[in-house]
Amino acid sequence: MKAMARPLIIVGSIVVIIGALLPWATFVLNDGPYPDKATLEFFDAPFGLSSFRLYLEILGLAGLVFCFVPLRDKIRVLKAVGWGTLGVALINTLFIIGDGGGFGAVTVADGVTAFGGIAAVIGAAVLLYGAFQLPAEPKVVINPKLPFWAEWLILLVAFVALLLLITETLTAGGHSGVSDPYIGPLFLSYLSAAGALLGVLWAVGVTKWISDMSERHRIFSILVLVACAVAVPFTSLGNDYWMTITANIGVYAATAIGLNIVVGLAGLLDLGYVAFMGIGAFVAANLSGAVAAEFGIRLPFLLAAIVAGIVAGIFGAIVGSPTLRVRGDYLAIVTLAFGEIFVRVSQNNIGGLTGGSNAIPNIPDLSLFGTGFNDSLTIGGVQLPSGVLYYFLIVVLVALVMFVFGNLKNSRIGRAWIAIREDEDVARAMGVKTGKLKILAFMTGATLAGLAGAVFAHKLATASYDSFQFNQSVTLLAAVILGGMGTIPGAVLGAALLFVLPEELRQFSDYRLLFFGLALVVIMRFRPQGLIADRHRRAELADQDVTGESLDDTVIKEPVAVAGAKEAGA
């Protein structure tokens, strides 16, 4: 079948291209005509492609081009194209069938035909099958070192492209608005197409090259990333809705990075971590001058946030003390118990510090030079949405937490935490003071969570125990594991996915959480090390070396190299 690989790829790509030019629905569905004028009744411009049909056309053409262009890693490139094409075709075809149309909607109904979806699915399957028949080739490694100014320019372009990709992803590939009944499949179609693009870039070695380049110019990369984060309100995300969503993502990302110290570096399973965020929120609320607060004082926000972080850190040390003699499942039970105790204490308003079921409402808004943080802002003639100052504050918070985490991970303390995570008994035998370091991990993580909680309380203008339930701890833990334990970008990406995906999948109504859960299962099946894994996790869970190469490939290549050396010696 290897001889048939190229013909299969060519035929599959052509069928996908034809499918994109055909109508997809024979009649108008209950929620209206399918978008991109894919319904036969409105199919008056077959070459006026947009949305999912445009993705399929581009992917089909990419399959043809990559089939003939000489590539060293052609199999991985075409697999990425094939999976992305199949995803887009299946998502839209199945949605038309399931949205009240049945199989007649994608085949024949009332004497009219619309085989675009069926053709695209068949073509994508043939394309993918042909890609799997190609002979295996070594992975491409691109690592040319250019002058610093050229690498800075490449990094700048790469990060700007990443910003545009993120904004397009959050707005469902250019489609926005909850009134669109088809925003769900369009969003998933965009994810499939974007996944194919990233897969191609990974296969040809571009992502690894950019990553290594970013590591060589770490300070410049951080500055550019912060600038890109600040530029978000000036993009299509610059509205009240997305400012609220991105601000919440930032708060939970900062909290997830703090949890990454406890779980990702020290390997201590904490199921009650959100309680420290709640402690910081309630402390800041009581020191904010709110009418319902127990203390009749109002400290400056910066001082209140510092106090909140310190108090949360003290509780972290207290909770960390019992962990000196427990580990694994027993440690999880101890931290789970602490989280539940915090919720019950807050619910019962013990000491009058939490407001009980009434919470602590009406926390005064922050202000800067007379402008409230919840007010809109005009910069350079551009009207920014309300809450943009809170977004900027949270960007600063995330940058601060990243700075703390990055410096701790690369320090002696960070290496000691990693040693405890790998094998606590061996670490103790090598002279690592495991007890003190475990308490320090809990205290540091709790302090960062307390700071995030203080910002969170002021952003919501209320502090309630409902916001710090057990399911929030599970969500944070899932964000750390999904993104990649022990990495900063992993925690941020995990938090973003866990808070954006449920919103974007809301159009699927009762099946939303089912799809969300299946997506997490699939990701963990094929990426157990996380979406952005550090080198330790790659070696442990994915059988990859520090460069990201498969250890199996290394074992296979070594005898060949030895044989070649022997022949040269002969």
Protein backbone atom coordinates (compact mmCIF):
# COMPACT_ATOMS: atom_id res chain seq x y z
CA MET A 1 0.00 0.00 0.00
CA LYS A 2 2.98 2.34 0.34
CA ALA A 3 3.04 2.72 -3.45
CA MET A 4 -0.57 3.92 -3.28
CA ALA A 5 0.13 6.55 -0.62
CA ARG A 6 0.65 9.47 -3.00
CA PRO A 7 -2.33 8.66 -5.27
CA LEU A 8 -4.57 8.34 -2.20
CA ILE A 9 -3.42 11.71 -0.88
CA ILE A 10 -3.98 13.35 -4.28
CA VAL A 11 -7.46 11.86 -4.71
CA GLY A 12 -8.46 12.68 -1.14
CA SER A 13 -7.29 16.29 -1.44
CA ILE A 14 -9.16 16.78 -4.73
CA VAL A 15 -12.37 15.33 -3.27
CA VAL A 16 -12.05 17.69 -0.26
CA ILE A 17 -11.63 20.67 -2.59
CA ILE A 18 -14.71 19.62 -4.57
CA GLY A 19 -16.69 19.04 -1.37
CA ALA A 20 -15.92 22.57 -0.21
CA LEU A 21 -17.42 23.92 -3.45
CA LEU A 22 -20.66 21.94 -3.11
CA PRO A 23 -23.76 22.75 -0.99
CA TRP A 24 -23.89 21.04 2.42
CA ALA A 25 -27.55 21.17 3.47
CA THR A 26 -30.52 20.31 1.24
CA PHE A 27 -32.99 22.42 3.22
CA VAL A 28 -33.10 25.15 5.86
CA LEU A 29 -32.71 23.74 9.37
CA ASN A 30 -34.91 24.70 12.31
CA ASP A 31 -32.40 27.31 13.50
CA GLY A 32 -32.08 28.91 10.09
CA PRO A 33 -29.91 28.41 6.99
CA TYR A 34 -26.52 26.92 7.63
CA PRO A 35 -23.80 29.63 7.54
CA ASP A 36 -21.39 30.36 4.71
CA LYS A 37 -24.41 30.01 2.36
CA ALA A 38 -23.92 26.24 2.57
CA THR A 39 -27.66 25.56 2.35
CA LEU A 40 -28.74 24.69 -1.19
CA GLU A 41 -31.50 27.33 -1.26
CA PHE A 42 -28.94 30.12 -0.72
CA PHE A 43 -26.03 28.51 -2.56
CA ASP A 44 -25.47 31.21 -5.15
CA ALA A 45 -21.68 31.74 -4.92
CA PRO A 46 -19.81 28.43 -4.79
CA PHE A 47 -16.45 30.20 -5.12
CA GLY A 48 -17.26 32.84 -2.50
CA LEU A 49 -15.72 30.76 0.25
CA SER A 50 -15.56 31.73 3.89
CA SER A 51 -15.69 30.09 7.32
CA PHE A 52 -15.48 26.28 7.39
CA ARG A 53 -15.65 25.89 3.58
CA LEU A 54 -12.65 28.18 3.23
CA TYR A 55 -10.76 26.09 5.82
CA LEU A 56 -11.48 22.93 3.82
CA GLU A 57 -10.42 24.53 0.55
CA ILE A 58 -7.12 25.67 2.06
CA LEU A 59 -6.48 22.29 3.70
CA GLY A 60 -7.29 20.43 0.49
CA LEU A 61 -4.88 22.60 -1.48
CA ALA A 62 -2.28 22.14 1.27
CA GLY A 63 -2.61 18.36 0.92
CA LEU A 64 -1.91 18.61 -2.81
CA VAL A 65 1.03 20.98 -2.40
CA PHE A 66 2.69 19.03 0.41
CA CYS A 67 2.26 15.81 -1.57
CA PHE A 68 4.51 17.12 -4.36
CA VAL A 69 6.82 19.47 -2.48
CA PRO A 70 9.93 17.66 -1.19
CA LEU A 71 9.74 17.59 2.59
CA ARG A 72 11.92 15.62 4.93
CA ASP A 73 9.07 15.06 7.40
CA LYS A 74 6.20 14.75 4.94
CA ILE A 75 4.30 12.08 6.87
CA ARG A 76 3.82 14.25 9.96
CA VAL A 77 2.85 17.26 7.87
CA LEU A 78 0.21 15.37 5.90
CA LYS A 79 -1.11 13.69 9.05
CA ALA A 80 -1.69 17.13 10.58
CA VAL A 81 -3.46 18.29 7.41
CA GLY A 82 -5.52 15.08 7.29
CA TRP A 83 -6.66 15.23 10.92
CA GLY A 84 -7.58 18.92 10.62
CA THR A 85 -9.52 18.30 7.41
CA LEU A 86 -11.38 15.35 8.86
CA GLY A 87 -12.23 17.37 11.97
CA VAL A 88 -13.75 20.27 10.02
CA ALA A 89 -15.71 17.97 7.70
CA LEU A 90 -17.06 15.71 10.45
CA ILE A 91 -18.02 18.53 12.82
CA ASN A 92 -20.20 20.36 10.30
CA THR A 93 -21.68 17.22 8.72
CA LEU A 94 -22.65 15.69 12.06
CA PHE A 95 -24.04 18.98 13.35
CA ILE A 96 -26.31 19.35 10.29
CA ILE A 97 -27.51 15.76 10.78
CA GLY A 98 -28.06 16.17 14.52
CA ASP A 99 -29.69 19.60 14.41
CA GLY A 100 -32.97 18.24 13.15
CA GLY A 101 -31.90 17.63 9.58
CA GLY A 102 -31.17 13.89 9.60
CA PHE A 103 -29.23 12.17 6.83
CA GLY A 104 -31.55 13.68 4.25
CA ALA A 105 -30.11 17.11 5.03
CA VAL A 106 -26.66 16.04 3.85
CA THR A 107 -27.70 13.75 0.99
CA VAL A 108 -31.06 13.85 -0.80
CA ALA A 109 -34.37 15.44 0.30
CA ASP A 110 -37.44 16.30 -1.81
CA GLY A 111 -35.57 15.53 -5.01
CA VAL A 112 -32.64 17.88 -4.33
CA THR A 113 -29.11 16.87 -3.38
CA ALA A 114 -26.32 18.36 -1.28
CA PHE A 115 -23.29 16.09 -0.95
CA GLY A 116 -20.68 18.64 0.15
CA GLY A 117 -20.35 17.26 3.66
CA ILE A 118 -20.26 13.59 2.62
CA ALA A 119 -17.68 14.30 -0.08
CA ALA A 120 -15.49 16.26 2.33
CA VAL A 121 -15.62 13.50 4.97
CA ILE A 122 -14.74 10.79 2.43
CA GLY A 123 -11.96 12.89 0.93
CA ALA A 124 -10.48 13.71 4.34
CA ALA A 125 -10.55 10.03 5.34
CA VAL A 126 -8.77 9.01 2.12
CA LEU A 127 -6.21 11.80 2.57
CA LEU A 128 -5.50 10.74 6.15
CA TYR A 129 -5.27 7.06 5.22
CA GLY A 130 -2.79 7.90 2.47
CA ALA A 131 -0.68 9.92 4.92
CA PHE A 132 -0.45 6.90 7.23
CA GLN A 133 0.86 4.79 4.32
CA LEU A 134 3.89 7.03 3.74
CA PRO A 135 7.23 5.61 4.92
CA ALA A 136 8.45 6.90 8.29
CA GLU A 137 11.12 9.60 8.19
CA PRO A 138 13.29 11.26 10.86
CA LYS A 139 11.88 14.40 12.42
CA VAL A 140 13.08 17.68 10.99
CA VAL A 141 15.20 19.86 13.28
CA ILE A 142 15.55 23.53 12.37
CA ASN A 143 18.06 25.35 14.52
CA PRO A 144 19.98 28.01 12.57
CA LYS A 145 21.38 30.78 14.76
CA LEU A 146 20.88 34.17 13.17
CA PRO A 147 22.10 37.65 14.19
CA PHE A 148 20.35 38.87 17.32
CA TRP A 149 18.40 41.56 15.46
CA ALA A 150 17.05 38.98 12.99
CA GLU A 151 15.99 36.66 15.80
CA TRP A 152 14.32 39.56 17.62
CA LEU A 153 12.38 40.38 14.46
CA ILE A 154 11.32 36.75 14.01
CA LEU A 155 10.20 36.54 17.66
CA LEU A 156 8.24 39.77 17.30
CA VAL A 157 6.42 38.46 14.23
CA ALA A 158 5.80 35.10 15.91
CA PHE A 159 4.30 36.61 19.06
CA VAL A 160 2.12 39.04 17.09
CA ALA A 161 0.88 36.08 15.03
CA LEU A 162 0.18 34.24 18.28
CA LEU A 163 -1.83 37.22 19.55
CA LEU A 164 -3.90 37.27 16.36
CA LEU A 165 -4.43 33.50 16.60
CA ILE A 166 -5.65 33.83 20.19
CA THR A 167 -8.04 36.68 19.39
CA GLU A 168 -9.46 34.76 16.43
CA THR A 169 -9.83 31.64 18.57
CA LEU A 170 -11.67 33.46 21.33
CA THR A 171 -14.06 35.02 18.83
CA ALA A 172 -14.74 31.61 17.23
CA GLY A 173 -12.78 32.17 14.05
CA GLY A 174 -14.17 35.57 13.24
CA HIS A 175 -17.77 34.76 14.24
CA SER A 176 -19.07 36.20 17.50
CA GLY A 177 -22.31 36.83 19.25
CA VAL A 178 -24.50 34.47 21.24
CA SER A 179 -27.36 35.04 18.79
CA ASP A 180 -25.65 32.90 16.16
CA PRO A 181 -27.14 29.39 16.54
CA TYR A 182 -24.17 27.82 14.75
CA ILE A 183 -21.35 29.42 16.73
CA GLY A 184 -20.51 26.05 18.33
CA PRO A 185 -19.63 24.06 15.18
CA LEU A 186 -18.00 27.11 13.62
CA PHE A 187 -15.78 27.47 16.68
CA LEU A 188 -14.84 23.79 16.61
CA SER A 189 -14.16 24.03 12.87
CA TYR A 190 -11.78 26.89 13.51
CA LEU A 191 -10.03 24.90 16.24
CA SER A 192 -9.55 21.99 13.84
CA ALA A 193 -8.09 24.24 11.15
CA ALA A 194 -5.85 26.04 13.64
CA GLY A 195 -4.75 22.68 15.05
CA ALA A 196 -3.78 21.56 11.54
CA LEU A 197 -1.72 24.74 11.08
CA LEU A 198 0.09 24.28 14.39
CA GLY A 199 0.62 20.60 13.58
CA VAL A 200 2.29 21.49 10.28
CA LEU A 201 4.51 24.07 11.97
CA TRP A 202 5.49 21.51 14.60
CA ALA A 203 6.17 18.83 11.98
CA VAL A 204 8.54 21.03 9.99
CA GLY A 205 10.33 22.13 13.17
CA VAL A 206 9.23 25.78 13.24
CA THR A 207 7.69 25.67 16.73
CA LYS A 208 10.82 24.08 18.21
CA TRP A 209 12.98 26.66 16.45
CA ILE A 210 10.89 29.55 17.82
CA SER A 211 10.93 28.00 21.30
CA ASP A 212 14.72 27.67 21.32
CA MET A 213 15.07 31.19 19.97
CA SER A 214 12.76 32.50 22.70
CA GLU A 215 14.85 30.72 25.32
CA ARG A 216 18.01 32.40 24.02
CA HIS A 217 16.34 35.83 24.24
CA ARG A 218 14.22 35.28 27.35
CA ILE A 219 14.09 38.91 28.53
CA PHE A 220 13.10 40.20 25.09
CA SER A 221 10.47 37.47 24.77
CA ILE A 222 8.93 38.34 28.13
CA LEU A 223 8.76 42.03 27.21
CA VAL A 224 7.10 41.26 23.88
CA LEU A 225 4.60 38.90 25.53
CA VAL A 226 3.68 41.54 28.11
CA ALA A 227 3.25 44.08 25.29
CA CYS A 228 1.00 41.63 23.42
CA ALA A 229 -1.08 41.09 26.56
CA VAL A 230 -1.45 44.85 27.00
CA ALA A 231 -2.51 45.14 23.34
CA VAL A 232 -5.45 42.72 23.75
CA PRO A 233 -8.04 45.49 24.51
CA PHE A 234 -7.09 47.15 21.20
CA THR A 235 -8.04 44.02 19.22
CA SER A 236 -11.43 42.45 18.46
CA LEU A 237 -11.54 41.38 22.12
CA GLY A 238 -11.86 44.99 23.21
CA ASN A 239 -15.43 44.83 24.50
CA ASP A 240 -17.05 44.52 27.92
CA TYR A 241 -17.76 40.80 27.59
CA TRP A 242 -14.23 39.72 26.68
CA MET A 243 -12.63 42.07 29.18
CA THR A 244 -14.56 40.27 31.90
CA ILE A 245 -13.65 36.83 30.55
CA THR A 246 -9.95 37.63 30.03
CA ALA A 247 -9.70 39.24 33.46
CA ASN A 248 -11.13 36.11 35.08
CA ILE A 249 -8.75 33.98 33.03
CA GLY A 250 -5.85 36.11 34.27
CA VAL A 251 -6.85 35.74 37.92
CA TYR A 252 -7.19 31.98 37.65
CA ALA A 253 -3.98 31.75 35.59
CA ALA A 254 -2.08 33.54 38.37
CA THR A 255 -3.64 31.19 40.92
CA ALA A 256 -2.81 28.16 38.76
CA ILE A 257 0.84 29.25 38.55
CA GLY A 258 0.90 29.38 42.35
CA LEU A 259 -0.61 25.89 42.49
CA ASN A 260 2.06 24.82 40.02
CA ILE A 261 4.65 25.43 42.73
CA VAL A 262 2.87 23.00 45.07
CA VAL A 263 1.86 20.37 42.50
CA GLY A 264 4.16 20.89 39.54
CA LEU A 265 7.44 21.50 41.33
CA ALA A 266 7.10 19.92 44.79
CA GLY A 267 4.69 17.17 43.70
CA LEU A 268 2.26 17.77 46.60
CA LEU A 269 -1.34 17.05 45.63
CA ASP A 270 -3.46 19.91 46.99
CA LEU A 271 -7.25 19.57 46.61
CA GLY A 272 -8.13 22.61 48.70
CA TYR A 273 -5.91 25.21 47.11
CA VAL A 274 -8.72 27.60 46.18
CA ALA A 275 -9.26 28.17 49.90
CA PHE A 276 -6.10 30.29 49.99
CA MET A 277 -7.51 32.40 47.21
CA GLY A 278 -10.68 32.77 49.28
CA ILE A 279 -8.69 33.79 52.36
CA GLY A 280 -6.97 36.51 50.35
CA ALA A 281 -10.32 37.70 49.00
CA PHE A 282 -11.97 37.93 52.42
CA VAL A 283 -8.96 39.64 54.03
CA ALA A 284 -8.85 42.24 51.24
CA ALA A 285 -12.63 42.71 51.48
CA ASN A 286 -12.45 43.37 55.24
CA LEU A 287 -9.68 45.90 54.74
CA SER A 288 -11.35 47.66 51.81
CA GLY A 289 -13.82 49.76 53.75
CA ALA A 290 -16.91 47.87 52.55
CA VAL A 291 -20.04 48.64 54.56
CA ALA A 292 -20.61 44.98 55.46
CA ALA A 293 -16.96 44.40 56.45
CA GLU A 294 -16.13 43.53 60.06
CA PHE A 295 -13.37 46.12 60.31
CA GLY A 296 -14.22 49.77 59.77
CA ILE A 297 -10.95 50.61 58.07
CA ARG A 298 -9.94 51.15 54.46
CA LEU A 299 -6.35 50.51 53.53
CA PRO A 300 -4.83 51.35 50.14
CA PHE A 301 -5.34 48.48 47.75
CA LEU A 302 -1.65 47.66 47.44
CA LEU A 303 -1.25 47.40 51.22
CA ALA A 304 -4.47 45.38 51.56
CA ALA A 305 -3.30 42.96 48.85
CA ILE A 306 0.06 42.49 50.58
CA VAL A 307 -1.65 41.79 53.90
CA ALA A 308 -4.01 39.35 52.16
CA GLY A 309 -1.04 37.51 50.65
CA ILE A 310 0.77 37.34 53.99
CA VAL A 311 -2.28 36.01 55.84
CA ALA A 312 -2.91 33.41 53.13
CA GLY A 313 0.78 32.42 53.32
CA ILE A 314 0.52 31.92 57.09
CA PHE A 315 -2.47 29.63 56.60
CA GLY A 316 -0.47 27.84 53.91
CA ALA A 317 2.30 27.14 56.41
CA ILE A 318 -0.27 25.92 58.93
CA VAL A 319 -1.82 23.55 56.41
CA GLY A 320 1.61 22.45 55.22
CA SER A 321 2.74 21.42 58.70
CA PRO A 322 0.63 18.22 58.90
CA THR A 323 1.99 17.16 55.51
CA LEU A 324 5.40 16.40 57.03
CA ARG A 325 4.23 12.88 57.85
CA VAL A 326 1.71 12.25 55.05
CA ARG A 327 2.02 11.98 51.29
CA GLY A 328 0.11 10.83 48.24
CA ASP A 329 -3.57 10.05 48.80
CA TYR A 330 -3.36 10.94 52.50
CA LEU A 331 -2.03 14.38 51.66
CA ALA A 332 -4.90 14.88 49.22
CA ILE A 333 -7.38 14.03 52.00
CA VAL A 334 -5.77 16.54 54.38
CA THR A 335 -5.91 19.39 51.85
CA LEU A 336 -9.44 18.42 50.81
CA ALA A 337 -10.50 18.62 54.45
CA PHE A 338 -8.97 22.09 54.77
CA GLY A 339 -10.85 23.29 51.71
CA GLU A 340 -14.16 22.00 53.08
CA ILE A 341 -13.48 23.50 56.52
CA PHE A 342 -12.87 26.89 54.89
CA VAL A 343 -16.15 26.70 52.97
CA ARG A 344 -18.18 25.75 56.06
CA VAL A 345 -16.52 28.42 58.20
CA SER A 346 -17.20 31.03 55.53
CA GLN A 347 -20.79 29.87 55.09
CA ASN A 348 -21.49 30.11 58.83
CA ASN A 349 -19.81 33.53 59.09
CA ILE A 350 -17.73 32.52 62.09
CA GLY A 351 -16.19 35.66 63.58
CA GLY A 352 -18.27 37.81 61.25
CA LEU A 353 -15.41 37.95 58.74
CA THR A 354 -17.07 36.43 55.68
CA GLY A 355 -20.65 37.68 55.72
CA GLY A 356 -22.04 34.13 55.49
CA SER A 357 -24.73 33.69 52.85
CA ASN A 358 -24.90 37.48 52.43
CA ALA A 359 -21.21 37.62 51.51
CA ILE A 360 -19.35 40.95 51.65
CA PRO A 361 -20.89 43.08 48.88
CA ASN A 362 -20.19 46.59 47.62
CA ILE A 363 -16.41 46.46 47.86
CA PRO A 364 -15.28 49.94 46.77
CA ASP A 365 -14.01 50.20 43.21
CA LEU A 366 -10.34 50.93 42.66
CA SER A 367 -9.41 54.20 41.01
CA LEU A 368 -6.38 55.70 39.33
CA PHE A 369 -6.05 59.48 38.91
CA GLY A 370 -9.79 59.83 39.45
CA THR A 371 -10.73 57.12 36.90
CA GLY A 372 -12.49 54.07 38.28
CA PHE A 373 -11.14 50.69 37.23
CA ASN A 374 -14.63 49.67 36.08
CA ASP A 375 -14.99 52.76 33.91
CA SER A 376 -14.24 52.90 30.21
CA LEU A 377 -11.03 54.56 29.12
CA THR A 378 -9.91 56.54 26.08
CA ILE A 379 -6.28 56.19 24.95
CA GLY A 380 -5.06 57.94 21.81
CA GLY A 381 -8.59 58.47 20.57
CA VAL A 382 -9.43 54.77 21.02
CA GLN A 383 -12.41 54.06 23.29
CA LEU A 384 -11.55 51.08 25.48
CA PRO A 385 -14.27 49.03 27.23
CA SER A 386 -15.17 49.25 30.89
CA GLY A 387 -13.01 47.19 33.21
CA VAL A 388 -9.90 47.61 31.06
CA LEU A 389 -7.89 48.97 34.01
CA TYR A 390 -8.69 45.82 35.99
CA TYR A 391 -7.43 43.84 33.00
CA PHE A 392 -4.15 45.79 33.01
CA LEU A 393 -3.85 45.24 36.78
CA ILE A 394 -4.32 41.51 36.31
CA VAL A 395 -1.67 41.48 33.55
CA VAL A 396 0.74 42.98 36.07
CA LEU A 397 -0.32 40.36 38.63
CA VAL A 398 0.28 37.48 36.19
CA ALA A 399 3.67 38.94 35.22
CA LEU A 400 4.63 39.18 38.90
CA VAL A 401 3.59 35.59 39.61
CA MET A 402 5.47 34.41 36.51
CA PHE A 403 8.58 36.23 37.71
CA VAL A 404 8.40 34.60 41.14
CA PHE A 405 7.76 31.13 39.70
CA GLY A 406 10.51 31.41 37.08
CA ASN A 407 13.13 32.47 39.59
CA LEU A 408 12.12 29.83 42.13
CA LYS A 409 12.13 27.02 39.56
CA ASN A 410 15.70 27.79 38.48
CA SER A 411 17.01 28.25 42.03
CA ARG A 412 18.39 25.75 44.54
CA ILE A 413 14.99 25.69 46.23
CA GLY A 414 13.28 24.85 42.95
CA ARG A 415 15.70 22.02 42.23
CA ALA A 416 15.14 20.71 45.75
CA TRP A 417 11.35 20.76 45.18
CA ILE A 418 11.81 18.82 41.95
CA ALA A 419 13.95 16.28 43.83
CA ILE A 420 11.17 15.86 46.40
CA ARG A 421 8.65 15.39 43.62
CA GLU A 422 10.71 12.70 41.93
CA ASP A 423 11.55 10.72 45.11
CA GLU A 424 11.21 12.21 48.57
CA ASP A 425 13.18 9.43 50.31
CA VAL A 426 16.14 9.78 47.97
CA ALA A 427 16.03 13.57 48.32
CA ARG A 428 16.13 13.27 52.11
CA ALA A 429 19.03 10.81 51.88
CA MET A 430 20.93 13.34 49.74
CA GLY A 431 20.60 16.00 52.46
CA VAL A 432 17.52 17.88 51.22
CA LYS A 433 15.50 19.23 54.16
CA THR A 434 12.20 17.94 52.84
CA GLY A 435 10.05 19.09 55.77
CA LYS A 436 10.97 22.76 55.62
CA LEU A 437 10.83 22.81 51.84
CA LYS A 438 7.36 21.26 51.71
CA ILE A 439 6.07 23.89 54.13
CA LEU A 440 7.80 26.58 52.06
CA ALA A 441 6.08 25.28 48.93
CA PHE A 442 2.66 25.49 50.58
CA MET A 443 3.40 28.94 51.99
CA THR A 444 4.68 30.36 48.68
CA GLY A 445 1.79 28.97 46.67
CA ALA A 446 -0.73 30.21 49.23
CA THR A 447 0.79 33.71 49.23
CA LEU A 448 0.43 34.00 45.46
CA ALA A 449 -3.13 32.68 45.66
CA GLY A 450 -3.91 35.27 48.35
CA LEU A 451 -2.70 38.09 46.10
CA ALA A 452 -4.88 36.76 43.26
CA GLY A 453 -7.84 36.53 45.64
CA ALA A 454 -7.44 40.18 46.67
CA VAL A 455 -7.58 41.30 43.03
CA PHE A 456 -10.48 38.93 42.36
CA ALA A 457 -12.56 40.38 45.23
CA HIS A 458 -12.12 43.95 44.02
CA LYS A 459 -12.85 42.96 40.43
CA LEU A 460 -16.16 41.33 41.39
CA ALA A 461 -16.89 44.01 44.04
CA THR A 462 -17.97 41.17 46.36
CA ALA A 463 -16.43 38.29 48.30
CA SER A 464 -18.59 35.18 48.68
CA TYR A 465 -17.81 31.64 49.75
CA ASP A 466 -19.66 30.38 46.64
CA SER A 467 -16.69 31.43 44.53
CA PHE A 468 -14.26 29.15 46.40
CA GLN A 469 -15.93 25.76 46.39
CA PHE A 470 -14.22 22.39 45.90
CA ASN A 471 -14.99 22.32 42.17
CA GLN A 472 -12.84 25.43 41.72
CA SER A 473 -9.89 23.61 43.29
CA VAL A 474 -10.44 20.72 40.89
CA THR A 475 -10.60 23.14 37.96
CA LEU A 476 -7.31 24.75 38.98
CA LEU A 477 -5.67 21.36 39.39
CA ALA A 478 -6.97 20.30 35.98
CA ALA A 479 -5.57 23.52 34.47
CA VAL A 480 -2.11 22.74 35.85
CA ILE A 481 -2.15 19.11 34.66
CA LEU A 482 -3.72 19.91 31.29
CA GLY A 483 -1.35 22.76 30.50
CA GLY A 484 1.75 20.98 31.77
CA MET A 485 2.99 20.68 35.32
CA GLY A 486 6.08 22.70 36.12
CA THR A 487 5.74 25.20 33.26
CA ILE A 488 4.50 28.80 33.26
CA PRO A 489 2.92 28.84 29.76
CA GLY A 490 1.26 25.52 30.57
CA ALA A 491 -0.58 26.90 33.59
CA VAL A 492 -1.74 29.97 31.65
CA LEU A 493 -2.87 27.89 28.66
CA GLY A 494 -4.64 25.36 30.90
CA ALA A 495 -6.53 28.07 32.77
CA ALA A 496 -7.51 29.75 29.49
CA LEU A 497 -8.82 26.52 27.97
CA LEU A 498 -10.79 25.50 31.04
CA PHE A 499 -12.57 28.84 31.20
CA VAL A 500 -12.97 29.59 27.49
CA LEU A 501 -14.03 26.19 26.15
CA PRO A 502 -17.17 25.91 28.33
CA GLU A 503 -18.23 29.38 27.18
CA GLU A 504 -17.67 28.62 23.51
CA LEU A 505 -19.35 25.21 23.77
CA ARG A 506 -22.42 26.68 25.46
CA GLN A 507 -24.22 26.50 22.11
CA PHE A 508 -24.31 22.73 22.44
CA SER A 509 -26.70 23.09 25.39
CA ASP A 510 -27.07 19.80 27.28
CA TYR A 511 -24.08 18.21 25.54
CA ARG A 512 -21.70 21.02 26.40
CA LEU A 513 -20.08 19.39 29.43
CA LEU A 514 -20.02 16.02 27.67
CA PHE A 515 -17.99 17.47 24.77
CA PHE A 516 -15.82 19.38 27.21
CA GLY A 517 -15.04 16.25 29.20
CA LEU A 518 -14.34 14.21 26.07
CA ALA A 519 -11.94 16.89 24.87
CA LEU A 520 -10.01 16.68 28.16
CA VAL A 521 -9.88 12.87 27.96
CA VAL A 522 -8.55 12.98 24.39
CA ILE A 523 -5.90 15.57 25.27
CA MET A 524 -4.73 13.58 28.27
CA ARG A 525 -4.64 10.40 26.20
CA PHE A 526 -2.40 11.82 23.50
CA ARG A 527 -0.57 14.44 25.62
CA PRO A 528 -0.20 12.94 29.12
CA GLN A 529 2.71 15.29 29.78
CA GLY A 530 0.44 18.30 29.18
CA LEU A 531 0.07 20.67 26.25
CA ILE A 532 3.30 22.52 27.15
CA ALA A 533 5.50 20.11 29.09
CA ASP A 534 8.89 20.65 30.67
CA ARG A 535 11.75 18.27 29.91
CA HIS A 536 11.23 16.19 33.07
CA ARG A 537 7.60 15.45 32.19
CA ARG A 538 8.48 14.71 28.57
CA ALA A 539 11.00 12.11 29.67
CA GLU A 540 8.71 10.60 32.30
CA LEU A 541 5.35 10.51 30.49
CA ALA A 542 6.08 10.81 26.77
CA ASP A 543 9.41 8.94 26.39
CA GLN A 544 11.13 12.01 24.96
CA ASP A 545 14.59 13.40 25.64
CA VAL A 546 15.38 17.00 26.59
CA THR A 547 15.18 18.09 22.94
CA GLY A 548 11.71 16.61 22.49
CA GLU A 549 12.91 13.70 20.33
CA SER A 550 11.36 10.27 20.88
CA LEU A 551 13.58 7.91 22.86
CA ASP A 552 12.42 5.08 20.59
CA ASP A 553 13.81 6.94 17.58
CA THR A 554 17.10 7.42 19.42
CA VAL A 555 17.35 3.70 20.12
CA ILE A 556 16.60 2.85 16.49
CA LYS A 557 19.08 5.31 15.04
CA GLU A 558 22.02 4.29 17.25
CA PRO A 559 22.70 0.83 15.71
CA VAL A 560 22.57 2.40 12.24
CA ALA A 561 25.17 4.96 13.23
CA VAL A 562 27.35 2.27 14.79
CA ALA A 563 27.07 0.12 11.68
CA GLY A 564 28.05 3.07 9.52
CA ALA A 565 31.08 3.75 11.68
CA LYS A 566 32.17 0.12 11.42
CA GLU A 567 31.84 0.21 7.65
CA ALA A 568 33.89 3.41 7.51
CA GLY A 569 36.56 1.79 9.69
CA ALA A 570 36.61 -1.28 7.49
